[in-house]
Each structure stands twice: as structure tokens, then as C-alpha cells.
Amino acid sequence: MADSHTTSHTTSPTASHDAASAVPSEAASQPASPGVHPGERAAPQPLKLIAIRDTPLSLDEVFRAVGDEAAGGTALFVGTVRNHDGGADVDALGYSAHPSAETELRRVAEKVAADFPVRALAAVHRVGDLEVGDLAVVVAVSCPHRAEAFEACRRLIDDLKHEVPIWKHQRFSDGTEEWVGSC
């Protein structure tokens, strides 16, 4: 079983490098379509925050990462540690990730961005020991319209849970425990 680890990759318009020179303009990267505003199309580089972390997650950080003036809809999903599962009381749990987890998370995010007109996307998953009520995963997607944002966010969290190699170790009040694989 892989040990918990921390890796992080952030692409942000507030990064210290000159974003204008690092990111091609939408006009240069996508052919003009008569009657279609550039904001109706996917952004050329929509992945803004992709990370696996052993530190507490921040809703504000994820929400800020997906801010985009062309987005008319932003959907955000927060997964928290609940106090029960399968009829048993949960005291705590831990997440472990395979070393390839962040690469797989990026692959899942890229697929969602390719399938929807995503303006900005962020996904962060926690590893390590968590308590009931802690944030385990936060994902968000901004799109030109709300229906697209909801659909893309749902696909992102569903595919993350099924394809990214992160495992949950639950500890129950009766002293039993179980491992649950996400993929």
C-alpha cells in the first residue's frame, strides 16, 4: 500500500510569472467563429488547480481558482467525512494515494475539460488521517452556462472516485475497520 504523500501543482493567473506571455490568448488558440463569443468556448488552459494534499482543504482557494469572467455558471462539490457508513458509526478515516494519483487526477480533469466548454477547473483531494466533518475532496468547474457547469462537475467527481487510485481506511465505533478502494 502506498504511503500518504503531498504533491501539488497549481496554475494560477496570480502566479509570479508573466501570465500573458505563458498562456496563449483565446483569439490566437481558437479559430474565430462568426456569431460565437469567445467566452462561449472552452478556455485554452482550463486546469487551474490539481492537487493531492495532506493538509486541510480550502473552499475559498478552489472557488477562487475557477473564477472566470466568461463563466455564467460555477458548480462546486465538497465531499466531507460523515459519521456513518453502511449502518455503522464512523469515528475517523484515512486516505492513502498511489504515487500516480495526481497524474491520474490530471488525466480525469483533462478529459472533463475536453468534453465540456470548461472555462476553469479545480480538483483537490486530501490524504492522511481525517476526522468526522473534515473536507476530503473539493472540485469545481466554471462553464459559460449553469447546466454545463453542473454536468461537468458531476462527471469530474464521479470519474475521480472511480479512476483515481485513492483508498479510504474507515475506523468504526465498534472497533472494526475496512479499506474501500476508489477505483
N, C-alpha and C. Protein backbone atom coordinates (compact mmCIF):
# COMPACT_ATOMS: atom_id res chain seq x y z
N MET A 1 0.84 -1.17 0.00
CA MET A 1 0.00 0.00 0.00
C MET A 1 0.89 1.23 0.00
N ALA A 2 0.57 2.23 -0.80
CA ALA A 2 1.38 3.44 -0.90
C ALA A 2 1.21 4.29 0.35
N ASP A 3 2.28 4.95 0.73
CA ASP A 3 2.20 5.86 1.86
C ASP A 3 1.55 7.15 1.41
N SER A 4 0.94 7.86 2.35
CA SER A 4 0.38 9.16 2.04
C SER A 4 1.50 10.10 1.66
N HIS A 5 1.22 11.01 0.77
CA HIS A 5 2.23 11.96 0.33
C HIS A 5 1.55 13.26 -0.04
N THR A 6 2.34 14.26 -0.25
CA THR A 6 1.82 15.54 -0.66
C THR A 6 2.47 15.94 -1.95
N THR A 7 1.66 16.23 -2.93
CA THR A 7 2.14 16.82 -4.16
C THR A 7 1.15 17.88 -4.54
N SER A 8 1.58 18.84 -5.27
CA SER A 8 0.67 19.90 -5.66
C SER A 8 1.17 20.57 -6.91
N HIS A 9 0.27 20.87 -7.80
CA HIS A 9 0.59 21.65 -8.97
C HIS A 9 -0.51 22.68 -9.10
N THR A 10 -0.13 23.92 -9.17
CA THR A 10 -1.11 24.98 -9.29
C THR A 10 -0.76 25.84 -10.48
N THR A 11 -1.75 26.12 -11.30
CA THR A 11 -1.60 27.09 -12.36
C THR A 11 -2.59 28.18 -12.03
N SER A 12 -2.12 29.38 -11.90
CA SER A 12 -2.99 30.45 -11.45
C SER A 12 -2.65 31.74 -12.14
N PRO A 13 -3.65 32.58 -12.44
CA PRO A 13 -3.36 33.86 -13.05
C PRO A 13 -2.58 34.77 -12.11
N THR A 14 -2.49 34.45 -10.83
CA THR A 14 -1.74 35.27 -9.89
C THR A 14 -0.33 34.74 -9.68
N ALA A 15 0.08 33.75 -10.46
CA ALA A 15 1.42 33.20 -10.31
C ALA A 15 2.45 34.27 -10.60
N SER A 16 3.68 34.06 -10.12
CA SER A 16 4.70 35.09 -10.21
C SER A 16 5.22 35.30 -11.62
N HIS A 17 5.02 34.37 -12.54
CA HIS A 17 5.50 34.57 -13.90
C HIS A 17 4.51 35.43 -14.68
N ASP A 18 4.93 35.91 -15.83
CA ASP A 18 4.08 36.75 -16.65
C ASP A 18 3.05 35.89 -17.36
N ALA A 19 1.83 35.89 -16.86
CA ALA A 19 0.78 35.03 -17.38
C ALA A 19 0.47 35.36 -18.84
N ALA A 20 0.59 36.61 -19.23
CA ALA A 20 0.28 36.98 -20.60
C ALA A 20 1.23 36.31 -21.58
N SER A 21 2.49 36.15 -21.22
CA SER A 21 3.43 35.51 -22.13
C SER A 21 3.38 34.00 -22.04
N ALA A 22 2.90 33.44 -20.93
CA ALA A 22 2.89 31.99 -20.74
C ALA A 22 1.65 31.33 -21.30
N VAL A 23 0.54 32.06 -21.39
CA VAL A 23 -0.72 31.48 -21.83
C VAL A 23 -1.12 32.12 -23.15
N PRO A 24 -1.33 31.31 -24.19
CA PRO A 24 -1.75 31.90 -25.46
C PRO A 24 -3.13 32.51 -25.33
N SER A 25 -3.37 33.58 -26.06
CA SER A 25 -4.68 34.22 -26.00
C SER A 25 -5.71 33.32 -26.65
N GLU A 26 -6.97 33.46 -26.23
CA GLU A 26 -8.03 32.65 -26.82
C GLU A 26 -8.13 32.92 -28.30
N ALA A 27 -7.99 34.17 -28.69
CA ALA A 27 -8.11 34.51 -30.10
C ALA A 27 -7.05 33.79 -30.92
N ALA A 28 -5.84 33.67 -30.37
CA ALA A 28 -4.76 33.02 -31.09
C ALA A 28 -4.88 31.51 -31.07
N SER A 29 -5.48 30.94 -30.03
CA SER A 29 -5.51 29.48 -29.89
C SER A 29 -6.76 28.83 -30.49
N GLN A 30 -7.80 29.61 -30.75
CA GLN A 30 -9.02 29.03 -31.29
C GLN A 30 -9.47 29.84 -32.49
N PRO A 31 -9.88 29.16 -33.56
CA PRO A 31 -10.33 29.90 -34.73
C PRO A 31 -11.60 30.68 -34.42
N ALA A 32 -11.72 31.82 -35.07
CA ALA A 32 -12.90 32.65 -34.87
C ALA A 32 -14.12 31.97 -35.47
N SER A 33 -15.22 32.03 -34.77
CA SER A 33 -16.49 31.51 -35.26
C SER A 33 -17.46 32.67 -35.35
N PRO A 34 -17.99 32.93 -36.53
CA PRO A 34 -18.93 34.05 -36.66
C PRO A 34 -20.11 33.89 -35.71
N GLY A 35 -20.43 34.95 -34.98
CA GLY A 35 -21.58 34.94 -34.10
C GLY A 35 -21.39 34.24 -32.77
N VAL A 36 -20.21 33.68 -32.50
CA VAL A 36 -19.96 33.00 -31.23
C VAL A 36 -18.92 33.79 -30.44
N HIS A 37 -19.32 34.24 -29.28
CA HIS A 37 -18.40 34.98 -28.42
C HIS A 37 -17.33 34.02 -27.90
N PRO A 38 -16.07 34.47 -27.77
CA PRO A 38 -15.00 33.59 -27.26
C PRO A 38 -15.32 32.99 -25.88
N GLY A 39 -16.12 33.68 -25.08
CA GLY A 39 -16.49 33.19 -23.76
C GLY A 39 -17.41 31.99 -23.79
N GLU A 40 -18.01 31.71 -24.94
CA GLU A 40 -18.88 30.54 -25.09
C GLU A 40 -18.08 29.26 -25.32
N ARG A 41 -16.79 29.41 -25.59
CA ARG A 41 -15.94 28.24 -25.85
C ARG A 41 -15.13 27.91 -24.61
N ALA A 42 -14.56 26.73 -24.62
CA ALA A 42 -13.66 26.33 -23.54
C ALA A 42 -12.43 27.23 -23.54
N ALA A 43 -11.89 27.47 -22.37
CA ALA A 43 -10.65 28.23 -22.25
C ALA A 43 -9.50 27.36 -22.77
N PRO A 44 -8.44 27.97 -23.29
CA PRO A 44 -7.34 27.17 -23.84
C PRO A 44 -6.59 26.36 -22.78
N GLN A 45 -6.54 26.83 -21.56
CA GLN A 45 -5.88 26.12 -20.46
C GLN A 45 -6.76 26.17 -19.22
N PRO A 46 -7.80 25.34 -19.16
CA PRO A 46 -8.78 25.46 -18.09
C PRO A 46 -8.38 24.83 -16.75
N LEU A 47 -7.38 23.96 -16.72
CA LEU A 47 -7.00 23.34 -15.45
C LEU A 47 -6.21 24.34 -14.61
N LYS A 48 -6.81 24.77 -13.51
CA LYS A 48 -6.23 25.82 -12.68
C LYS A 48 -5.61 25.30 -11.40
N LEU A 49 -6.14 24.22 -10.85
CA LEU A 49 -5.64 23.69 -9.59
C LEU A 49 -5.93 22.19 -9.55
N ILE A 50 -4.87 21.39 -9.51
CA ILE A 50 -4.97 19.94 -9.42
C ILE A 50 -3.99 19.52 -8.32
N ALA A 51 -4.48 18.88 -7.25
CA ALA A 51 -3.58 18.55 -6.15
C ALA A 51 -4.09 17.40 -5.30
N ILE A 52 -3.13 16.68 -4.74
CA ILE A 52 -3.36 15.69 -3.69
C ILE A 52 -2.58 16.23 -2.50
N ARG A 53 -3.25 16.46 -1.36
CA ARG A 53 -2.61 17.13 -0.22
C ARG A 53 -2.84 16.40 1.09
N ASP A 54 -1.88 16.56 2.01
CA ASP A 54 -2.06 16.03 3.36
C ASP A 54 -2.36 17.14 4.36
N THR A 55 -2.79 18.28 3.85
CA THR A 55 -3.16 19.42 4.70
C THR A 55 -4.64 19.75 4.45
N PRO A 56 -5.28 20.45 5.39
CA PRO A 56 -6.70 20.78 5.22
C PRO A 56 -6.98 21.52 3.90
N LEU A 57 -8.14 21.22 3.32
CA LEU A 57 -8.53 21.82 2.05
C LEU A 57 -9.29 23.12 2.29
N SER A 58 -9.28 23.98 1.29
CA SER A 58 -9.93 25.29 1.39
C SER A 58 -10.95 25.47 0.27
N LEU A 59 -12.21 25.68 0.67
CA LEU A 59 -13.25 26.00 -0.32
C LEU A 59 -12.93 27.30 -1.04
N ASP A 60 -12.46 28.29 -0.30
CA ASP A 60 -12.15 29.59 -0.89
C ASP A 60 -11.07 29.47 -1.96
N GLU A 61 -10.03 28.68 -1.69
CA GLU A 61 -8.96 28.51 -2.66
C GLU A 61 -9.49 27.90 -3.96
N VAL A 62 -10.30 26.86 -3.84
CA VAL A 62 -10.84 26.19 -5.03
C VAL A 62 -11.80 27.13 -5.78
N PHE A 63 -12.66 27.82 -5.05
CA PHE A 63 -13.60 28.74 -5.69
C PHE A 63 -12.87 29.86 -6.41
N ARG A 64 -11.85 30.43 -5.79
CA ARG A 64 -11.05 31.48 -6.45
C ARG A 64 -10.36 30.94 -7.70
N ALA A 65 -9.90 29.70 -7.64
CA ALA A 65 -9.17 29.12 -8.77
C ALA A 65 -10.03 29.01 -10.02
N VAL A 66 -11.34 28.84 -9.85
CA VAL A 66 -12.21 28.66 -11.02
C VAL A 66 -12.94 29.94 -11.42
N GLY A 67 -12.59 31.05 -10.82
CA GLY A 67 -13.19 32.31 -11.21
C GLY A 67 -12.84 32.66 -12.64
N ASP A 68 -13.84 33.03 -13.43
CA ASP A 68 -13.62 33.38 -14.83
C ASP A 68 -14.74 34.31 -15.26
N GLU A 69 -14.39 35.46 -15.81
CA GLU A 69 -15.40 36.46 -16.19
C GLU A 69 -16.36 35.98 -17.28
N ALA A 70 -15.95 34.99 -18.06
CA ALA A 70 -16.81 34.47 -19.13
C ALA A 70 -17.74 33.37 -18.64
N ALA A 71 -17.56 32.92 -17.40
CA ALA A 71 -18.38 31.82 -16.88
C ALA A 71 -19.68 32.36 -16.31
N GLY A 72 -20.78 31.78 -16.78
CA GLY A 72 -22.09 32.12 -16.25
C GLY A 72 -22.54 31.15 -15.18
N GLY A 73 -21.79 30.05 -15.03
CA GLY A 73 -22.13 29.06 -14.03
C GLY A 73 -20.89 28.42 -13.44
N THR A 74 -20.89 28.30 -12.13
CA THR A 74 -19.81 27.62 -11.42
C THR A 74 -20.46 26.60 -10.49
N ALA A 75 -20.05 25.34 -10.64
CA ALA A 75 -20.55 24.28 -9.77
C ALA A 75 -19.39 23.80 -8.90
N LEU A 76 -19.67 23.62 -7.62
CA LEU A 76 -18.65 23.22 -6.66
C LEU A 76 -19.20 22.05 -5.85
N PHE A 77 -18.39 20.99 -5.71
CA PHE A 77 -18.78 19.85 -4.91
C PHE A 77 -17.77 19.70 -3.77
N VAL A 78 -18.30 19.45 -2.56
CA VAL A 78 -17.46 19.24 -1.39
C VAL A 78 -17.81 17.89 -0.79
N GLY A 79 -16.82 17.02 -0.69
CA GLY A 79 -17.01 15.74 -0.03
C GLY A 79 -16.45 15.82 1.38
N THR A 80 -17.27 15.46 2.36
CA THR A 80 -16.86 15.54 3.76
C THR A 80 -16.88 14.15 4.40
N VAL A 81 -16.16 14.00 5.48
CA VAL A 81 -16.16 12.75 6.23
C VAL A 81 -17.45 12.71 7.06
N ARG A 82 -18.27 11.71 6.79
CA ARG A 82 -19.54 11.59 7.54
C ARG A 82 -19.35 10.65 8.72
N ASN A 83 -20.31 10.67 9.64
CA ASN A 83 -20.18 9.90 10.89
C ASN A 83 -20.76 8.49 10.80
N HIS A 84 -21.09 8.04 9.60
CA HIS A 84 -21.66 6.69 9.46
C HIS A 84 -21.38 6.17 8.05
N ASP A 85 -21.42 4.85 7.92
CA ASP A 85 -21.32 4.21 6.61
C ASP A 85 -21.82 2.78 6.74
N GLY A 86 -22.71 2.39 5.87
CA GLY A 86 -23.21 1.03 5.87
C GLY A 86 -23.86 0.62 7.17
N GLY A 87 -24.51 1.55 7.87
CA GLY A 87 -25.18 1.24 9.11
C GLY A 87 -24.30 1.25 10.34
N ALA A 88 -23.02 1.57 10.18
CA ALA A 88 -22.09 1.60 11.31
C ALA A 88 -21.60 3.02 11.56
N ASP A 89 -21.34 3.33 12.84
CA ASP A 89 -20.80 4.64 13.19
C ASP A 89 -19.32 4.72 12.83
N VAL A 90 -18.93 5.80 12.13
CA VAL A 90 -17.54 6.03 11.75
C VAL A 90 -16.93 7.01 12.74
N ASP A 91 -15.80 6.64 13.32
CA ASP A 91 -15.08 7.54 14.22
C ASP A 91 -14.09 8.42 13.47
N ALA A 92 -13.39 7.83 12.51
CA ALA A 92 -12.38 8.56 11.75
C ALA A 92 -12.02 7.74 10.53
N LEU A 93 -11.27 8.35 9.64
CA LEU A 93 -10.78 7.61 8.49
C LEU A 93 -9.50 8.24 7.97
N GLY A 94 -8.84 7.50 7.13
CA GLY A 94 -7.63 7.98 6.49
C GLY A 94 -7.68 7.68 5.01
N TYR A 95 -7.06 8.54 4.23
CA TYR A 95 -6.94 8.32 2.79
C TYR A 95 -5.48 8.09 2.46
N SER A 96 -5.24 7.12 1.59
CA SER A 96 -3.90 6.86 1.05
C SER A 96 -3.99 6.96 -0.46
N ALA A 97 -2.93 7.45 -1.08
CA ALA A 97 -2.93 7.61 -2.53
C ALA A 97 -1.71 6.92 -3.14
N HIS A 98 -1.93 6.32 -4.28
CA HIS A 98 -0.83 5.76 -5.06
C HIS A 98 0.01 6.93 -5.59
N PRO A 99 1.30 6.73 -5.79
CA PRO A 99 2.13 7.83 -6.32
C PRO A 99 1.63 8.42 -7.65
N SER A 100 0.86 7.65 -8.40
CA SER A 100 0.34 8.14 -9.68
C SER A 100 -0.98 8.90 -9.53
N ALA A 101 -1.48 9.06 -8.32
CA ALA A 101 -2.82 9.63 -8.12
C ALA A 101 -2.97 11.03 -8.73
N GLU A 102 -1.99 11.88 -8.54
CA GLU A 102 -2.13 13.24 -9.08
C GLU A 102 -2.10 13.23 -10.61
N THR A 103 -1.28 12.38 -11.18
CA THR A 103 -1.24 12.24 -12.64
C THR A 103 -2.59 11.76 -13.15
N GLU A 104 -3.18 10.79 -12.47
CA GLU A 104 -4.50 10.28 -12.86
C GLU A 104 -5.58 11.32 -12.66
N LEU A 105 -5.48 12.10 -11.59
CA LEU A 105 -6.44 13.19 -11.36
C LEU A 105 -6.36 14.20 -12.50
N ARG A 106 -5.16 14.53 -12.91
CA ARG A 106 -4.98 15.46 -14.04
C ARG A 106 -5.59 14.87 -15.32
N ARG A 107 -5.38 13.58 -15.57
CA ARG A 107 -5.93 12.93 -16.76
C ARG A 107 -7.46 13.00 -16.74
N VAL A 108 -8.07 12.72 -15.60
CA VAL A 108 -9.53 12.80 -15.47
C VAL A 108 -10.00 14.23 -15.73
N ALA A 109 -9.31 15.19 -15.15
CA ALA A 109 -9.68 16.61 -15.32
C ALA A 109 -9.55 17.03 -16.79
N GLU A 110 -8.49 16.60 -17.45
CA GLU A 110 -8.29 16.93 -18.86
C GLU A 110 -9.42 16.36 -19.72
N LYS A 111 -9.87 15.16 -19.39
CA LYS A 111 -10.97 14.53 -20.15
C LYS A 111 -12.26 15.32 -19.96
N VAL A 112 -12.55 15.73 -18.73
CA VAL A 112 -13.75 16.55 -18.48
C VAL A 112 -13.65 17.86 -19.25
N ALA A 113 -12.48 18.49 -19.20
CA ALA A 113 -12.28 19.76 -19.90
C ALA A 113 -12.43 19.59 -21.42
N ALA A 114 -12.06 18.43 -21.94
CA ALA A 114 -12.19 18.18 -23.37
C ALA A 114 -13.65 17.92 -23.78
N ASP A 115 -14.46 17.43 -22.86
CA ASP A 115 -15.84 17.06 -23.17
C ASP A 115 -16.86 18.17 -22.93
N PHE A 116 -16.48 19.23 -22.24
CA PHE A 116 -17.38 20.33 -21.91
C PHE A 116 -16.68 21.66 -22.20
N PRO A 117 -17.46 22.74 -22.36
CA PRO A 117 -16.84 24.05 -22.58
C PRO A 117 -16.35 24.66 -21.26
N VAL A 118 -15.35 24.04 -20.68
CA VAL A 118 -14.85 24.43 -19.36
C VAL A 118 -14.00 25.70 -19.47
N ARG A 119 -14.36 26.68 -18.67
CA ARG A 119 -13.57 27.91 -18.57
C ARG A 119 -12.48 27.76 -17.53
N ALA A 120 -12.80 27.05 -16.41
CA ALA A 120 -11.81 26.82 -15.34
C ALA A 120 -12.24 25.59 -14.55
N LEU A 121 -11.23 24.83 -14.08
CA LEU A 121 -11.50 23.60 -13.35
C LEU A 121 -10.47 23.46 -12.24
N ALA A 122 -10.92 22.98 -11.08
CA ALA A 122 -10.02 22.72 -9.95
C ALA A 122 -10.48 21.44 -9.25
N ALA A 123 -9.50 20.66 -8.77
CA ALA A 123 -9.80 19.44 -8.03
C ALA A 123 -8.68 19.20 -7.02
N VAL A 124 -9.06 19.04 -5.76
CA VAL A 124 -8.09 18.81 -4.69
C VAL A 124 -8.63 17.69 -3.80
N HIS A 125 -7.79 16.69 -3.52
CA HIS A 125 -8.19 15.58 -2.65
C HIS A 125 -7.22 15.50 -1.49
N ARG A 126 -7.74 15.20 -0.34
CA ARG A 126 -6.95 15.10 0.89
C ARG A 126 -6.47 13.68 1.09
N VAL A 127 -5.29 13.52 1.65
CA VAL A 127 -4.78 12.23 2.11
C VAL A 127 -4.35 12.38 3.56
N GLY A 128 -4.18 11.25 4.23
CA GLY A 128 -3.81 11.27 5.64
C GLY A 128 -5.02 11.01 6.50
N ASP A 129 -4.85 11.20 7.82
CA ASP A 129 -5.93 10.97 8.78
C ASP A 129 -6.87 12.16 8.85
N LEU A 130 -8.17 11.88 8.77
CA LEU A 130 -9.20 12.90 8.83
C LEU A 130 -10.19 12.55 9.93
N GLU A 131 -10.86 13.56 10.43
CA GLU A 131 -11.90 13.40 11.45
C GLU A 131 -13.27 13.63 10.81
N VAL A 132 -14.31 13.18 11.48
CA VAL A 132 -15.67 13.43 11.02
C VAL A 132 -15.86 14.94 10.84
N GLY A 133 -16.40 15.32 9.68
CA GLY A 133 -16.62 16.72 9.36
C GLY A 133 -15.53 17.35 8.51
N ASP A 134 -14.34 16.73 8.43
CA ASP A 134 -13.26 17.27 7.61
C ASP A 134 -13.60 17.19 6.13
N LEU A 135 -13.02 18.11 5.36
CA LEU A 135 -13.18 18.09 3.91
C LEU A 135 -12.23 17.03 3.34
N ALA A 136 -12.77 16.13 2.53
CA ALA A 136 -11.97 15.08 1.91
C ALA A 136 -11.63 15.41 0.46
N VAL A 137 -12.55 16.06 -0.24
CA VAL A 137 -12.33 16.41 -1.64
C VAL A 137 -13.15 17.65 -1.97
N VAL A 138 -12.56 18.51 -2.81
CA VAL A 138 -13.26 19.69 -3.30
C VAL A 138 -12.97 19.80 -4.79
N VAL A 139 -14.03 19.84 -5.59
CA VAL A 139 -13.88 20.03 -7.03
C VAL A 139 -14.81 21.15 -7.47
N ALA A 140 -14.41 21.87 -8.50
CA ALA A 140 -15.24 22.95 -9.02
C ALA A 140 -14.97 23.12 -10.50
N VAL A 141 -16.02 23.51 -11.22
CA VAL A 141 -15.93 23.74 -12.66
C VAL A 141 -16.73 24.99 -13.00
N SER A 142 -16.13 25.85 -13.82
CA SER A 142 -16.83 27.02 -14.35
C SER A 142 -17.01 26.83 -15.85
N CYS A 143 -18.23 27.11 -16.32
CA CYS A 143 -18.57 26.99 -17.74
C CYS A 143 -19.40 28.21 -18.14
N PRO A 144 -19.62 28.41 -19.44
CA PRO A 144 -20.44 29.54 -19.86
C PRO A 144 -21.86 29.51 -19.29
N HIS A 145 -22.40 28.31 -19.05
CA HIS A 145 -23.78 28.20 -18.58
C HIS A 145 -23.88 27.20 -17.43
N ARG A 146 -24.90 27.33 -16.57
CA ARG A 146 -25.02 26.52 -15.37
C ARG A 146 -25.20 25.03 -15.66
N ALA A 147 -26.00 24.68 -16.66
CA ALA A 147 -26.22 23.26 -16.94
C ALA A 147 -24.91 22.56 -17.27
N GLU A 148 -24.07 23.20 -18.07
CA GLU A 148 -22.76 22.63 -18.41
C GLU A 148 -21.88 22.51 -17.17
N ALA A 149 -21.93 23.52 -16.32
CA ALA A 149 -21.11 23.51 -15.10
C ALA A 149 -21.53 22.37 -14.18
N PHE A 150 -22.84 22.19 -13.99
CA PHE A 150 -23.32 21.09 -13.15
C PHE A 150 -22.91 19.74 -13.73
N GLU A 151 -23.13 19.57 -15.02
CA GLU A 151 -22.82 18.30 -15.67
C GLU A 151 -21.32 17.99 -15.62
N ALA A 152 -20.49 18.98 -15.90
CA ALA A 152 -19.04 18.78 -15.88
C ALA A 152 -18.54 18.50 -14.47
N CYS A 153 -19.09 19.18 -13.47
CA CYS A 153 -18.68 18.96 -12.08
C CYS A 153 -19.06 17.55 -11.64
N ARG A 154 -20.26 17.12 -12.00
CA ARG A 154 -20.70 15.77 -11.65
C ARG A 154 -19.79 14.72 -12.29
N ARG A 155 -19.45 14.91 -13.56
CA ARG A 155 -18.56 13.96 -14.23
C ARG A 155 -17.19 13.97 -13.56
N LEU A 156 -16.70 15.15 -13.19
CA LEU A 156 -15.39 15.25 -12.56
C LEU A 156 -15.34 14.47 -11.25
N ILE A 157 -16.30 14.65 -10.36
CA ILE A 157 -16.25 13.94 -9.08
C ILE A 157 -16.52 12.45 -9.27
N ASP A 158 -17.43 12.10 -10.16
CA ASP A 158 -17.72 10.68 -10.38
C ASP A 158 -16.49 9.96 -10.96
N ASP A 159 -15.85 10.56 -11.96
CA ASP A 159 -14.68 9.93 -12.57
C ASP A 159 -13.50 9.91 -11.61
N LEU A 160 -13.33 10.96 -10.81
CA LEU A 160 -12.28 10.98 -9.78
C LEU A 160 -12.47 9.78 -8.85
N LYS A 161 -13.67 9.58 -8.36
CA LYS A 161 -13.93 8.49 -7.41
C LYS A 161 -13.71 7.11 -8.04
N HIS A 162 -13.96 6.97 -9.34
CA HIS A 162 -13.84 5.67 -10.00
C HIS A 162 -12.46 5.40 -10.60
N GLU A 163 -11.69 6.45 -10.91
CA GLU A 163 -10.47 6.24 -11.68
C GLU A 163 -9.17 6.65 -10.99
N VAL A 164 -9.24 7.50 -9.99
CA VAL A 164 -8.01 7.97 -9.34
C VAL A 164 -7.68 7.02 -8.18
N PRO A 165 -6.46 6.50 -8.13
CA PRO A 165 -6.11 5.49 -7.10
C PRO A 165 -5.89 6.09 -5.70
N ILE A 166 -7.02 6.30 -5.03
CA ILE A 166 -7.04 6.79 -3.65
C ILE A 166 -7.90 5.82 -2.86
N TRP A 167 -7.39 5.38 -1.70
CA TRP A 167 -8.10 4.40 -0.89
C TRP A 167 -8.48 4.99 0.46
N LYS A 168 -9.65 4.58 0.95
CA LYS A 168 -10.18 5.07 2.22
C LYS A 168 -10.11 3.95 3.26
N HIS A 169 -9.54 4.26 4.41
CA HIS A 169 -9.46 3.32 5.54
C HIS A 169 -10.38 3.85 6.64
N GLN A 170 -11.53 3.20 6.80
CA GLN A 170 -12.51 3.65 7.78
C GLN A 170 -12.34 2.90 9.09
N ARG A 171 -12.48 3.64 10.20
CA ARG A 171 -12.44 3.06 11.54
C ARG A 171 -13.79 3.31 12.20
N PHE A 172 -14.42 2.19 12.62
CA PHE A 172 -15.77 2.24 13.16
C PHE A 172 -15.76 2.23 14.68
N SER A 173 -16.86 2.71 15.26
CA SER A 173 -17.01 2.80 16.72
C SER A 173 -16.95 1.44 17.40
N ASP A 174 -17.32 0.37 16.69
CA ASP A 174 -17.30 -0.96 17.31
C ASP A 174 -15.92 -1.62 17.26
N GLY A 175 -14.91 -0.86 16.80
CA GLY A 175 -13.54 -1.38 16.77
C GLY A 175 -13.16 -2.03 15.44
N THR A 176 -14.10 -2.20 14.54
CA THR A 176 -13.78 -2.78 13.24
C THR A 176 -13.30 -1.68 12.30
N GLU A 177 -12.74 -2.11 11.19
CA GLU A 177 -12.26 -1.17 10.19
C GLU A 177 -12.38 -1.82 8.83
N GLU A 178 -12.34 -0.98 7.79
CA GLU A 178 -12.37 -1.50 6.42
C GLU A 178 -11.64 -0.56 5.47
N TRP A 179 -11.08 -1.15 4.43
CA TRP A 179 -10.47 -0.41 3.33
C TRP A 179 -11.45 -0.37 2.18
N VAL A 180 -11.63 0.79 1.59
CA VAL A 180 -12.51 0.96 0.45
C VAL A 180 -11.69 1.56 -0.67
N GLY A 181 -11.66 0.88 -1.81
CA GLY A 181 -10.92 1.39 -2.97
C GLY A 181 -11.77 2.32 -3.79
N SER A 182 -11.14 3.37 -4.30
CA SER A 182 -11.90 4.32 -5.13
C SER A 182 -11.93 3.88 -6.57
N CYS A 183 -11.08 2.95 -6.95
CA CYS A 183 -11.09 2.52 -8.35
C CYS A 183 -10.75 1.05 -8.44
